[in-house]
Amino acid sequence: MQPVHLVATVESEEFSWGEDLFNHGYYWEAHEAWEGLWQVADKGSDIRALLKGLILLCAAGVKIREGKRVAAKRHAGRAATLFRELIHRPDDAFEQALGLRSQALAGYAEAIAVAPPILQRADEGQPEPVFSFILGRELAGHEL
């Protein structure tokens, strides 16, 4: 059996799997899907910054669910900073994969950094999406 060789790209199955997990409220699992790609991405690359921002956004989602607003604000703010940096280095592949521009993603993260949502109790064991947007090519332009 040959080892799996990961390549950090938005076209990878791992990236798409992370988006699907994220969209369904599985933030910890999305973080895990993207972290492997982040680890193999070249230091200083745009894909590494994008993945780090998405991972931080996942962390914010987890903290929102836990009711830890200060931590959620911190993670979302750090994500917004990374997404803002990508605005100056636009990548059409990122926009196509995410279904939205880096500027829009930065705006969503900044809004969460200012005022994270307060959730109602969800059914035990059911993931609850906390973000008002979704990621992905097929779902581009739709909000939850």
N, C-alpha and C. Protein backbone atom coordinates (compact mmCIF):
# COMPACT_ATOMS: atom_id res chain seq x y z
N MET A 1 0.84 -1.18 0.00
CA MET A 1 0.00 0.00 0.00
C MET A 1 0.89 1.24 0.00
N GLN A 2 0.64 2.13 -0.94
CA GLN A 2 1.45 3.34 -1.04
C GLN A 2 0.86 4.44 -0.17
N PRO A 3 1.74 5.27 0.43
CA PRO A 3 1.23 6.38 1.24
C PRO A 3 0.49 7.39 0.36
N VAL A 4 -0.49 8.03 0.96
CA VAL A 4 -1.25 9.06 0.26
C VAL A 4 -0.42 10.34 0.24
N HIS A 5 -0.32 10.94 -0.92
CA HIS A 5 0.43 12.18 -1.06
C HIS A 5 -0.56 13.33 -1.19
N LEU A 6 -0.62 14.19 -0.18
CA LEU A 6 -1.52 15.33 -0.21
C LEU A 6 -0.88 16.50 -0.94
N VAL A 7 -1.67 17.18 -1.72
CA VAL A 7 -1.25 18.40 -2.37
C VAL A 7 -2.22 19.49 -1.94
N ALA A 8 -1.69 20.57 -1.43
CA ALA A 8 -2.53 21.66 -0.93
C ALA A 8 -3.10 22.45 -2.11
N THR A 9 -4.34 22.15 -2.44
CA THR A 9 -5.01 22.85 -3.53
C THR A 9 -6.51 22.88 -3.26
N VAL A 10 -7.17 23.92 -3.76
CA VAL A 10 -8.62 24.03 -3.58
C VAL A 10 -9.37 23.06 -4.48
N GLU A 11 -8.67 22.43 -5.41
CA GLU A 11 -9.31 21.45 -6.29
C GLU A 11 -9.30 20.04 -5.70
N SER A 12 -8.68 19.86 -4.55
CA SER A 12 -8.54 18.53 -3.96
C SER A 12 -9.85 18.06 -3.33
N GLU A 13 -9.96 16.75 -3.23
CA GLU A 13 -11.12 16.15 -2.56
C GLU A 13 -11.15 16.55 -1.09
N GLU A 14 -9.99 16.67 -0.47
CA GLU A 14 -9.91 17.04 0.94
C GLU A 14 -10.47 18.45 1.17
N PHE A 15 -10.17 19.35 0.24
CA PHE A 15 -10.68 20.71 0.38
C PHE A 15 -12.21 20.71 0.27
N SER A 16 -12.73 20.02 -0.73
CA SER A 16 -14.18 19.94 -0.92
C SER A 16 -14.87 19.27 0.26
N TRP A 17 -14.24 18.23 0.79
CA TRP A 17 -14.78 17.54 1.96
C TRP A 17 -14.86 18.51 3.14
N GLY A 18 -13.83 19.31 3.33
CA GLY A 18 -13.85 20.32 4.39
C GLY A 18 -15.00 21.31 4.21
N GLU A 19 -15.22 21.74 2.97
CA GLU A 19 -16.35 22.65 2.71
C GLU A 19 -17.68 22.01 3.07
N ASP A 20 -17.85 20.76 2.69
CA ASP A 20 -19.10 20.07 2.98
C ASP A 20 -19.31 19.95 4.49
N LEU A 21 -18.28 19.57 5.20
CA LEU A 21 -18.37 19.49 6.66
C LEU A 21 -18.71 20.85 7.26
N PHE A 22 -18.03 21.88 6.80
CA PHE A 22 -18.25 23.25 7.28
C PHE A 22 -19.72 23.65 7.06
N ASN A 23 -20.22 23.43 5.86
CA ASN A 23 -21.58 23.85 5.52
C ASN A 23 -22.64 23.15 6.36
N HIS A 24 -22.31 21.98 6.87
CA HIS A 24 -23.28 21.23 7.68
C HIS A 24 -23.06 21.42 9.18
N GLY A 25 -22.14 22.31 9.53
CA GLY A 25 -21.93 22.62 10.94
C GLY A 25 -20.94 21.73 11.66
N TYR A 26 -20.20 20.92 10.93
CA TYR A 26 -19.18 20.07 11.53
C TYR A 26 -17.85 20.81 11.50
N TYR A 27 -17.72 21.81 12.36
CA TYR A 27 -16.56 22.70 12.30
C TYR A 27 -15.27 22.03 12.73
N TRP A 28 -15.32 21.21 13.77
CA TRP A 28 -14.09 20.53 14.20
C TRP A 28 -13.61 19.60 13.10
N GLU A 29 -14.54 18.87 12.49
CA GLU A 29 -14.18 17.93 11.44
C GLU A 29 -13.67 18.65 10.19
N ALA A 30 -14.26 19.79 9.86
CA ALA A 30 -13.79 20.58 8.72
C ALA A 30 -12.36 21.06 8.99
N HIS A 31 -12.13 21.50 10.21
CA HIS A 31 -10.78 21.91 10.61
C HIS A 31 -9.79 20.77 10.39
N GLU A 32 -10.18 19.57 10.79
CA GLU A 32 -9.30 18.40 10.61
C GLU A 32 -9.04 18.12 9.12
N ALA A 33 -10.07 18.25 8.30
CA ALA A 33 -9.93 18.00 6.85
C ALA A 33 -8.95 19.00 6.24
N TRP A 34 -9.06 20.26 6.65
CA TRP A 34 -8.21 21.31 6.08
C TRP A 34 -6.81 21.35 6.68
N GLU A 35 -6.68 20.87 7.91
CA GLU A 35 -5.37 20.97 8.56
C GLU A 35 -4.30 20.16 7.84
N GLY A 36 -4.67 18.99 7.33
CA GLY A 36 -3.70 18.19 6.58
C GLY A 36 -3.18 18.93 5.37
N LEU A 37 -4.07 19.62 4.68
CA LEU A 37 -3.65 20.43 3.52
C LEU A 37 -2.78 21.59 3.96
N TRP A 38 -3.17 22.25 5.06
CA TRP A 38 -2.40 23.39 5.58
C TRP A 38 -0.97 22.95 5.92
N GLN A 39 -0.85 21.76 6.49
CA GLN A 39 0.48 21.29 6.90
C GLN A 39 1.40 21.07 5.72
N VAL A 40 0.86 20.68 4.56
CA VAL A 40 1.73 20.42 3.41
C VAL A 40 1.85 21.63 2.48
N ALA A 41 1.09 22.69 2.75
CA ALA A 41 1.16 23.90 1.92
C ALA A 41 2.49 24.61 2.15
N ASP A 42 3.00 25.22 1.10
CA ASP A 42 4.25 25.98 1.21
C ASP A 42 4.07 27.15 2.16
N LYS A 43 5.04 27.32 3.04
CA LYS A 43 5.01 28.45 3.96
C LYS A 43 4.99 29.76 3.18
N GLY A 44 4.13 30.67 3.61
CA GLY A 44 4.02 31.96 2.95
C GLY A 44 3.14 31.96 1.71
N SER A 45 2.58 30.80 1.36
CA SER A 45 1.74 30.73 0.15
C SER A 45 0.32 31.21 0.44
N ASP A 46 -0.35 31.62 -0.61
CA ASP A 46 -1.74 32.07 -0.48
C ASP A 46 -2.65 30.93 -0.03
N ILE A 47 -2.42 29.73 -0.53
CA ILE A 47 -3.27 28.60 -0.13
C ILE A 47 -3.11 28.31 1.35
N ARG A 48 -1.90 28.47 1.86
CA ARG A 48 -1.67 28.26 3.31
C ARG A 48 -2.42 29.31 4.11
N ALA A 49 -2.41 30.57 3.66
CA ALA A 49 -3.14 31.63 4.36
C ALA A 49 -4.65 31.37 4.32
N LEU A 50 -5.15 30.96 3.16
CA LEU A 50 -6.57 30.65 3.03
C LEU A 50 -6.96 29.52 3.97
N LEU A 51 -6.19 28.45 3.97
CA LEU A 51 -6.51 27.31 4.83
C LEU A 51 -6.45 27.69 6.30
N LYS A 52 -5.46 28.48 6.69
CA LYS A 52 -5.36 28.93 8.09
C LYS A 52 -6.57 29.77 8.46
N GLY A 53 -7.00 30.64 7.55
CA GLY A 53 -8.19 31.44 7.81
C GLY A 53 -9.43 30.58 7.98
N LEU A 54 -9.58 29.58 7.14
CA LEU A 54 -10.73 28.68 7.24
C LEU A 54 -10.69 27.87 8.53
N ILE A 55 -9.50 27.43 8.92
CA ILE A 55 -9.34 26.68 10.16
C ILE A 55 -9.70 27.57 11.35
N LEU A 56 -9.28 28.82 11.33
CA LEU A 56 -9.63 29.76 12.40
C LEU A 56 -11.13 30.03 12.43
N LEU A 57 -11.74 30.11 11.27
CA LEU A 57 -13.19 30.30 11.21
C LEU A 57 -13.91 29.09 11.81
N CYS A 58 -13.38 27.90 11.55
CA CYS A 58 -13.93 26.70 12.18
C CYS A 58 -13.81 26.78 13.71
N ALA A 59 -12.65 27.22 14.17
CA ALA A 59 -12.45 27.36 15.62
C ALA A 59 -13.46 28.36 16.20
N ALA A 60 -13.72 29.43 15.47
CA ALA A 60 -14.73 30.40 15.91
C ALA A 60 -16.10 29.73 16.01
N GLY A 61 -16.44 28.90 15.03
CA GLY A 61 -17.72 28.19 15.06
C GLY A 61 -17.85 27.29 16.28
N VAL A 62 -16.78 26.59 16.60
CA VAL A 62 -16.79 25.72 17.78
C VAL A 62 -16.98 26.57 19.04
N LYS A 63 -16.26 27.67 19.14
CA LYS A 63 -16.35 28.53 20.32
C LYS A 63 -17.72 29.19 20.44
N ILE A 64 -18.33 29.55 19.32
CA ILE A 64 -19.69 30.10 19.35
C ILE A 64 -20.63 29.07 19.96
N ARG A 65 -20.52 27.84 19.51
CA ARG A 65 -21.38 26.77 20.05
C ARG A 65 -21.15 26.57 21.54
N GLU A 66 -19.93 26.74 21.97
CA GLU A 66 -19.60 26.56 23.39
C GLU A 66 -20.00 27.77 24.22
N GLY A 67 -20.44 28.85 23.55
CA GLY A 67 -20.81 30.06 24.27
C GLY A 67 -19.61 30.89 24.70
N LYS A 68 -18.46 30.64 24.11
CA LYS A 68 -17.22 31.34 24.46
C LYS A 68 -17.01 32.46 23.45
N ARG A 69 -17.71 33.56 23.68
CA ARG A 69 -17.75 34.66 22.73
C ARG A 69 -16.39 35.36 22.55
N VAL A 70 -15.64 35.53 23.62
CA VAL A 70 -14.34 36.21 23.51
C VAL A 70 -13.40 35.40 22.62
N ALA A 71 -13.34 34.10 22.84
CA ALA A 71 -12.48 33.25 22.00
C ALA A 71 -12.98 33.24 20.56
N ALA A 72 -14.30 33.19 20.36
CA ALA A 72 -14.88 33.21 19.01
C ALA A 72 -14.49 34.50 18.29
N LYS A 73 -14.57 35.62 18.98
CA LYS A 73 -14.20 36.92 18.38
C LYS A 73 -12.74 36.93 17.98
N ARG A 74 -11.88 36.39 18.85
CA ARG A 74 -10.44 36.37 18.57
C ARG A 74 -10.15 35.53 17.32
N HIS A 75 -10.70 34.32 17.26
CA HIS A 75 -10.47 33.45 16.11
C HIS A 75 -11.03 34.06 14.83
N ALA A 76 -12.23 34.60 14.89
CA ALA A 76 -12.84 35.20 13.70
C ALA A 76 -12.04 36.42 13.24
N GLY A 77 -11.55 37.21 14.18
CA GLY A 77 -10.73 38.37 13.83
C GLY A 77 -9.44 37.98 13.14
N ARG A 78 -8.80 36.93 13.63
CA ARG A 78 -7.57 36.46 12.99
C ARG A 78 -7.86 35.92 11.60
N ALA A 79 -8.99 35.23 11.44
CA ALA A 79 -9.39 34.71 10.13
C ALA A 79 -9.63 35.87 9.17
N ALA A 80 -10.33 36.90 9.64
CA ALA A 80 -10.62 38.07 8.79
C ALA A 80 -9.34 38.72 8.31
N THR A 81 -8.34 38.82 9.18
CA THR A 81 -7.06 39.41 8.79
C THR A 81 -6.42 38.62 7.65
N LEU A 82 -6.43 37.31 7.76
CA LEU A 82 -5.86 36.48 6.69
C LEU A 82 -6.65 36.62 5.39
N PHE A 83 -7.97 36.62 5.48
CA PHE A 83 -8.79 36.78 4.28
C PHE A 83 -8.59 38.15 3.64
N ARG A 84 -8.42 39.18 4.47
CA ARG A 84 -8.17 40.53 3.95
C ARG A 84 -6.85 40.58 3.17
N GLU A 85 -5.84 39.88 3.66
CA GLU A 85 -4.56 39.84 2.96
C GLU A 85 -4.70 39.21 1.58
N LEU A 86 -5.61 38.27 1.44
CA LEU A 86 -5.81 37.60 0.15
C LEU A 86 -6.52 38.49 -0.86
N ILE A 87 -7.20 39.53 -0.41
CA ILE A 87 -7.89 40.45 -1.32
C ILE A 87 -6.88 41.11 -2.26
N HIS A 88 -5.70 41.38 -1.74
CA HIS A 88 -4.67 42.06 -2.52
C HIS A 88 -3.92 41.10 -3.44
N ARG A 89 -4.18 39.81 -3.27
CA ARG A 89 -3.57 38.78 -4.13
C ARG A 89 -4.68 37.86 -4.62
N PRO A 90 -5.59 38.41 -5.41
CA PRO A 90 -6.76 37.61 -5.80
C PRO A 90 -6.38 36.35 -6.56
N ASP A 91 -7.12 35.31 -6.29
CA ASP A 91 -6.90 34.03 -6.96
C ASP A 91 -8.26 33.52 -7.41
N ASP A 92 -8.48 33.47 -8.71
CA ASP A 92 -9.76 33.03 -9.25
C ASP A 92 -10.11 31.62 -8.81
N ALA A 93 -9.10 30.76 -8.64
CA ALA A 93 -9.37 29.39 -8.20
C ALA A 93 -9.98 29.39 -6.80
N PHE A 94 -9.49 30.28 -5.92
CA PHE A 94 -10.06 30.38 -4.57
C PHE A 94 -11.51 30.81 -4.65
N GLU A 95 -11.77 31.86 -5.43
CA GLU A 95 -13.12 32.38 -5.56
C GLU A 95 -14.06 31.31 -6.11
N GLN A 96 -13.62 30.58 -7.11
CA GLN A 96 -14.46 29.53 -7.69
C GLN A 96 -14.70 28.40 -6.68
N ALA A 97 -13.67 28.00 -5.97
CA ALA A 97 -13.81 26.91 -5.01
C ALA A 97 -14.69 27.30 -3.83
N LEU A 98 -14.55 28.53 -3.37
CA LEU A 98 -15.31 28.99 -2.21
C LEU A 98 -16.72 29.43 -2.57
N GLY A 99 -16.90 29.82 -3.82
CA GLY A 99 -18.20 30.34 -4.22
C GLY A 99 -18.42 31.78 -3.78
N LEU A 100 -17.36 32.43 -3.33
CA LEU A 100 -17.42 33.84 -2.95
C LEU A 100 -16.03 34.43 -2.95
N ARG A 101 -15.97 35.73 -2.97
CA ARG A 101 -14.69 36.45 -3.01
C ARG A 101 -14.06 36.51 -1.61
N SER A 102 -12.75 36.66 -1.58
CA SER A 102 -12.04 36.80 -0.30
C SER A 102 -12.59 37.97 0.48
N GLN A 103 -12.96 39.05 -0.21
CA GLN A 103 -13.50 40.23 0.46
C GLN A 103 -14.80 39.89 1.19
N ALA A 104 -15.67 39.10 0.56
CA ALA A 104 -16.92 38.71 1.21
C ALA A 104 -16.65 37.82 2.41
N LEU A 105 -15.73 36.88 2.25
CA LEU A 105 -15.38 35.98 3.35
C LEU A 105 -14.79 36.78 4.52
N ALA A 106 -13.94 37.75 4.20
CA ALA A 106 -13.38 38.62 5.24
C ALA A 106 -14.49 39.39 5.95
N GLY A 107 -15.46 39.88 5.19
CA GLY A 107 -16.59 40.60 5.78
C GLY A 107 -17.40 39.74 6.73
N TYR A 108 -17.66 38.50 6.35
CA TYR A 108 -18.38 37.58 7.23
C TYR A 108 -17.59 37.34 8.51
N ALA A 109 -16.30 37.10 8.38
CA ALA A 109 -15.46 36.85 9.55
C ALA A 109 -15.40 38.08 10.45
N GLU A 110 -15.29 39.27 9.86
CA GLU A 110 -15.25 40.50 10.65
C GLU A 110 -16.56 40.71 11.41
N ALA A 111 -17.68 40.42 10.78
CA ALA A 111 -18.97 40.56 11.46
C ALA A 111 -19.05 39.64 12.67
N ILE A 112 -18.51 38.44 12.53
CA ILE A 112 -18.51 37.50 13.65
C ILE A 112 -17.56 37.98 14.74
N ALA A 113 -16.43 38.58 14.34
CA ALA A 113 -15.48 39.10 15.32
C ALA A 113 -16.08 40.23 16.14
N VAL A 114 -16.99 40.97 15.54
CA VAL A 114 -17.65 42.07 16.25
C VAL A 114 -18.79 41.55 17.11
N ALA A 115 -19.62 40.68 16.55
CA ALA A 115 -20.81 40.21 17.26
C ALA A 115 -21.12 38.77 16.90
N PRO A 116 -20.46 37.81 17.58
CA PRO A 116 -20.76 36.41 17.30
C PRO A 116 -22.22 36.10 17.60
N PRO A 117 -22.83 35.24 16.81
CA PRO A 117 -24.23 34.92 17.07
C PRO A 117 -24.40 34.22 18.42
N ILE A 118 -25.54 34.41 19.02
CA ILE A 118 -25.90 33.69 20.23
C ILE A 118 -26.88 32.63 19.81
N LEU A 119 -26.55 31.39 20.09
CA LEU A 119 -27.34 30.27 19.61
C LEU A 119 -28.39 29.84 20.61
N GLN A 120 -29.48 29.34 20.07
CA GLN A 120 -30.47 28.66 20.88
C GLN A 120 -29.97 27.24 21.07
N ARG A 121 -30.44 26.56 22.05
CA ARG A 121 -30.02 25.17 22.27
C ARG A 121 -30.42 24.30 21.08
N ALA A 122 -29.49 23.61 20.52
CA ALA A 122 -29.77 22.67 19.43
C ALA A 122 -30.06 21.30 20.02
N ASP A 123 -30.62 20.43 19.21
CA ASP A 123 -30.82 19.05 19.64
C ASP A 123 -29.48 18.44 19.99
N GLU A 124 -29.45 17.71 21.08
CA GLU A 124 -28.21 17.08 21.51
C GLU A 124 -27.65 16.19 20.40
N GLY A 125 -26.38 16.35 20.09
CA GLY A 125 -25.73 15.54 19.08
C GLY A 125 -25.93 16.02 17.66
N GLN A 126 -26.74 17.05 17.46
CA GLN A 126 -26.98 17.59 16.12
C GLN A 126 -26.08 18.79 15.91
N PRO A 127 -25.31 18.81 14.83
CA PRO A 127 -24.51 20.01 14.57
C PRO A 127 -25.43 21.15 14.17
N GLU A 128 -25.08 22.32 14.60
CA GLU A 128 -25.87 23.50 14.27
C GLU A 128 -24.98 24.49 13.53
N PRO A 129 -25.27 24.72 12.24
CA PRO A 129 -24.48 25.74 11.54
C PRO A 129 -24.65 27.09 12.24
N VAL A 130 -23.55 27.79 12.41
CA VAL A 130 -23.60 29.07 13.09
C VAL A 130 -23.35 30.24 12.14
N PHE A 131 -22.95 29.94 10.92
CA PHE A 131 -22.65 31.00 9.96
C PHE A 131 -23.79 31.16 8.98
N SER A 132 -23.97 32.37 8.46
CA SER A 132 -25.08 32.67 7.56
C SER A 132 -24.71 32.49 6.09
N PHE A 133 -23.58 31.87 5.83
CA PHE A 133 -23.12 31.67 4.46
C PHE A 133 -22.66 30.22 4.30
N ILE A 134 -22.55 29.80 3.06
CA ILE A 134 -22.05 28.47 2.76
C ILE A 134 -20.90 28.59 1.77
N LEU A 135 -20.09 27.57 1.75
CA LEU A 135 -18.92 27.53 0.88
C LEU A 135 -19.12 26.49 -0.21
N GLY A 136 -18.54 26.74 -1.38
CA GLY A 136 -18.50 25.72 -2.41
C GLY A 136 -18.99 26.18 -3.75
N ARG A 137 -18.47 25.52 -4.76
CA ARG A 137 -18.80 25.84 -6.16
C ARG A 137 -20.28 25.71 -6.43
N GLU A 138 -20.84 24.55 -6.07
CA GLU A 138 -22.23 24.26 -6.41
C GLU A 138 -23.21 25.15 -5.65
N LEU A 139 -22.79 25.64 -4.51
CA LEU A 139 -23.70 26.38 -3.65
C LEU A 139 -23.45 27.87 -3.68
N ALA A 140 -22.59 28.31 -4.57
CA ALA A 140 -22.16 29.70 -4.60
C ALA A 140 -23.35 30.65 -4.66
N GLY A 141 -23.24 31.69 -3.85
CA GLY A 141 -24.25 32.74 -3.87
C GLY A 141 -25.45 32.48 -2.98
N HIS A 142 -25.52 31.32 -2.35
CA HIS A 142 -26.65 31.00 -1.49
C HIS A 142 -26.28 31.28 -0.04
N GLU A 143 -27.25 31.68 0.73
CA GLU A 143 -27.05 31.84 2.16
C GLU A 143 -27.96 30.89 2.88
N LEU A 144 -27.60 30.56 4.11
CA LEU A 144 -28.41 29.66 4.92
C LEU A 144 -29.59 30.40 5.50
